[in-house]
Amino acid sequence: MGAQYYGADSENGDRIDDLSENALCMMVSDLNNSDNTFVVVQPDEDDPVWFASVAVLDEGGYEIVRRDTTRNEHEVTTATSINDIARDLSIWMAARDFPRRPTRQFSEF
């Protein structure tokens, strides 16, 4: 069974469906300069409208790319803290639209 919302794939073939912040942290910490240089997170659908990627930089640290075509967003940043990367991407992904996710309902009391 595929991911309910999104999946993360690394260059070495690892995949985690609907990953947690801790799992994302683990995937980024497994990156290296030789055979596992990036991880991509995107919706589990045929034509995803957003993605995020983390890639190892030769000079150290990581390049983070966030792209969401529905919101006209494209941001490229760098960071060195794996925990900060995982936290920031988890927050960013939580704000994305997922076709199968129930809509939030607010009620007034």
C-alpha atoms as a PDB file:
ATOM      1  CA  MET A   1       0.000   0.000   0.000  1.00  0.00           C
ATOM      2  CA  GLY A   2       1.319   3.465  -0.886  1.00  0.00           C
ATOM      3  CA  ALA A   3       1.489   6.568   1.193  1.00  0.00           C
ATOM      4  CA  GLN A   4      -1.750   8.123   2.287  1.00  0.00           C
ATOM      5  CA  TYR A   5      -0.385  11.640   1.776  1.00  0.00           C
ATOM      6  CA  TYR A   6       3.280  11.737   0.732  1.00  0.00           C
ATOM      7  CA  GLY A   7       6.449   9.707   0.569  1.00  0.00           C
ATOM      8  CA  ALA A   8      10.166  10.326   0.893  1.00  0.00           C
ATOM      9  CA  ASP A   9      12.661   8.655  -1.420  1.00  0.00           C
ATOM     10  CA  SER A  10      16.424   8.790  -1.083  1.00  0.00           C
ATOM     11  CA  GLU A  11      18.976   8.270  -3.820  1.00  0.00           C
ATOM     12  CA  ASN A  12      19.950   4.864  -2.409  1.00  0.00           C
ATOM     13  CA  GLY A  13      16.387   3.563  -2.818  1.00  0.00           C
ATOM     14  CA  ASP A  14      15.105   3.943   0.739  1.00  0.00           C
ATOM     15  CA  ARG A  15      11.459   5.001   0.959  1.00  0.00           C
ATOM     16  CA  ILE A  16       9.304   6.030   3.890  1.00  0.00           C
ATOM     17  CA  ASP A  17       5.590   6.737   3.488  1.00  0.00           C
ATOM     18  CA  ASP A  18       3.985   9.562   5.480  1.00  0.00           C
ATOM     19  CA  LEU A  19       7.199  10.053   7.379  1.00  0.00           C
ATOM     20  CA  SER A  20       7.430  11.718  10.763  1.00  0.00           C
ATOM     21  CA  GLU A  21       9.836  14.495  11.656  1.00  0.00           C
ATOM     22  CA  ASN A  22      12.067  11.878  13.319  1.00  0.00           C
ATOM     23  CA  ALA A  23      12.043   9.674  10.210  1.00  0.00           C
ATOM     24  CA  LEU A  24      12.935  12.669   8.038  1.00  0.00           C
ATOM     25  CA  CYS A  25      15.765  13.485  10.435  1.00  0.00           C
ATOM     26  CA  MET A  26      17.013   9.890  10.077  1.00  0.00           C
ATOM     27  CA  MET A  27      16.843  10.006   6.265  1.00  0.00           C
ATOM     28  CA  VAL A  28      18.809  13.270   6.135  1.00  0.00           C
ATOM     29  CA  SER A  29      21.407  11.973   8.586  1.00  0.00           C
ATOM     30  CA  ASP A  30      21.917   8.948   6.301  1.00  0.00           C
ATOM     31  CA  LEU A  31      22.924  11.187   3.372  1.00  0.00           C
ATOM     32  CA  ASN A  32      26.564  11.149   2.247  1.00  0.00           C
ATOM     33  CA  ASN A  33      28.780  12.494  -0.538  1.00  0.00           C
ATOM     34  CA  SER A  34      29.064   9.273  -2.533  1.00  0.00           C
ATOM     35  CA  ASP A  35      25.980   7.132  -3.131  1.00  0.00           C
ATOM     36  CA  ASN A  36      23.149   8.727  -1.158  1.00  0.00           C
ATOM     37  CA  THR A  37      23.339  12.464  -1.827  1.00  0.00           C
ATOM     38  CA  PHE A  38      19.678  13.504  -1.705  1.00  0.00           C
ATOM     39  CA  VAL A  39      16.179  12.797  -0.415  1.00  0.00           C
ATOM     40  CA  VAL A  40      12.951  14.000  -2.052  1.00  0.00           C
ATOM     41  CA  VAL A  41       9.562  14.293  -0.353  1.00  0.00           C
ATOM     42  CA  GLN A  42       6.432  14.693  -2.466  1.00  0.00           C
ATOM     43  CA  PRO A  43       2.775  13.704  -2.559  1.00  0.00           C
ATOM     44  CA  ASP A  44       2.042  10.121  -3.494  1.00  0.00           C
ATOM     45  CA  GLU A  45       0.261  10.975  -6.733  1.00  0.00           C
ATOM     46  CA  ASP A  46       0.955  10.874 -10.472  1.00  0.00           C
ATOM     47  CA  ASP A  47       1.581  14.582 -11.025  1.00  0.00           C
ATOM     48  CA  PRO A  48       2.638  16.121  -7.687  1.00  0.00           C
ATOM     49  CA  VAL A  49       2.191  19.887  -7.370  1.00  0.00           C
ATOM     50  CA  TRP A  50       4.799  20.273  -4.633  1.00  0.00           C
ATOM     51  CA  PHE A  51       8.051  18.716  -3.478  1.00  0.00           C
ATOM     52  CA  ALA A  52      10.860  19.296  -1.031  1.00  0.00           C
ATOM     53  CA  SER A  53      14.387  18.002  -1.364  1.00  0.00           C
ATOM     54  CA  VAL A  54      17.510  17.925   0.760  1.00  0.00           C
ATOM     55  CA  ALA A  55      20.913  17.404  -0.847  1.00  0.00           C
ATOM     56  CA  VAL A  56      24.415  17.147   0.583  1.00  0.00           C
ATOM     57  CA  LEU A  57      26.703  20.031  -0.359  1.00  0.00           C
ATOM     58  CA  ASP A  58      30.345  19.301  -1.233  1.00  0.00           C
ATOM     59  CA  GLU A  59      31.533  22.045   1.108  1.00  0.00           C
ATOM     60  CA  GLY A  60      29.418  20.704   3.983  1.00  0.00           C
ATOM     61  CA  GLY A  61      25.871  21.279   5.047  1.00  0.00           C
ATOM     62  CA  TYR A  62      22.722  20.747   3.009  1.00  0.00           C
ATOM     63  CA  GLU A  63      20.764  22.475   0.270  1.00  0.00           C
ATOM     64  CA  ILE A  64      17.007  22.508   0.860  1.00  0.00           C
ATOM     65  CA  VAL A  65      14.598  23.123  -2.012  1.00  0.00           C
ATOM     66  CA  ARG A  66      10.881  23.751  -1.487  1.00  0.00           C
ATOM     67  CA  ARG A  67       8.611  24.022  -4.525  1.00  0.00           C
ATOM     68  CA  ASP A  68       4.825  24.364  -4.620  1.00  0.00           C
ATOM     69  CA  THR A  69       3.350  25.257  -8.005  1.00  0.00           C
ATOM     70  CA  THR A  70      -0.144  25.881  -6.605  1.00  0.00           C
ATOM     71  CA  ARG A  71       1.228  28.663  -4.392  1.00  0.00           C
ATOM     72  CA  ASN A  72       3.901  29.845  -6.817  1.00  0.00           C
ATOM     73  CA  GLU A  73       6.607  29.046  -4.242  1.00  0.00           C
ATOM     74  CA  HIS A  74      10.190  28.135  -5.035  1.00  0.00           C
ATOM     75  CA  GLU A  75      12.744  28.539  -2.269  1.00  0.00           C
ATOM     76  CA  VAL A  76      16.332  27.313  -2.072  1.00  0.00           C
ATOM     77  CA  THR A  77      18.196  27.577   1.228  1.00  0.00           C
ATOM     78  CA  THR A  78      21.153  25.988   2.967  1.00  0.00           C
ATOM     79  CA  ALA A  79      21.477  24.687   6.514  1.00  0.00           C
ATOM     80  CA  THR A  80      23.798  22.613   8.671  1.00  0.00           C
ATOM     81  CA  SER A  81      21.470  21.378  11.430  1.00  0.00           C
ATOM     82  CA  ILE A  82      19.661  18.172  10.534  1.00  0.00           C
ATOM     83  CA  ASN A  83      17.169  18.716  13.360  1.00  0.00           C
ATOM     84  CA  ASP A  84      16.329  22.217  12.077  1.00  0.00           C
ATOM     85  CA  ILE A  85      15.933  20.918   8.523  1.00  0.00           C
ATOM     86  CA  ALA A  86      13.560  18.129   9.609  1.00  0.00           C
ATOM     87  CA  ARG A  87      11.512  20.453  11.814  1.00  0.00           C
ATOM     88  CA  ASP A  88      11.228  23.197   9.180  1.00  0.00           C
ATOM     89  CA  LEU A  89      10.289  20.773   6.395  1.00  0.00           C
ATOM     90  CA  SER A  90       7.742  19.013   8.606  1.00  0.00           C
ATOM     91  CA  ILE A  91       6.051  22.339   9.313  1.00  0.00           C
ATOM     92  CA  TRP A  92       6.178  23.288   5.630  1.00  0.00           C
ATOM     93  CA  MET A  93       4.720  19.937   4.520  1.00  0.00           C
ATOM     94  CA  ALA A  94       1.902  20.162   7.067  1.00  0.00           C
ATOM     95  CA  ALA A  95       0.707  23.313   5.292  1.00  0.00           C
ATOM     96  CA  ARG A  96       0.528  21.609   1.872  1.00  0.00           C
ATOM     97  CA  ASP A  97      -2.704  20.485   0.228  1.00  0.00           C
ATOM     98  CA  PHE A  98      -3.408  16.765   0.006  1.00  0.00           C
ATOM     99  CA  PRO A  99      -6.333  15.668  -2.177  1.00  0.00           C
ATOM    100  CA  ARG A 100      -7.303  12.767   0.115  1.00  0.00           C
ATOM    101  CA  ARG A 101      -6.837  14.598   3.431  1.00  0.00           C
ATOM    102  CA  PRO A 102     -10.083  15.536   5.154  1.00  0.00           C
ATOM    103  CA  THR A 103     -10.751  19.244   5.270  1.00  0.00           C
ATOM    104  CA  ARG A 104     -10.453  21.005   8.575  1.00  0.00           C
ATOM    105  CA  GLN A 105     -13.731  21.996  10.096  1.00  0.00           C
ATOM    106  CA  PHE A 106     -14.065  24.747  12.624  1.00  0.00           C
ATOM    107  CA  SER A 107     -17.048  25.204  14.838  1.00  0.00           C
ATOM    108  CA  GLU A 108     -17.969  28.157  16.978  1.00  0.00           C
ATOM    109  CA  PHE A 109     -18.879  27.467  20.560  1.00  0.00           C
END
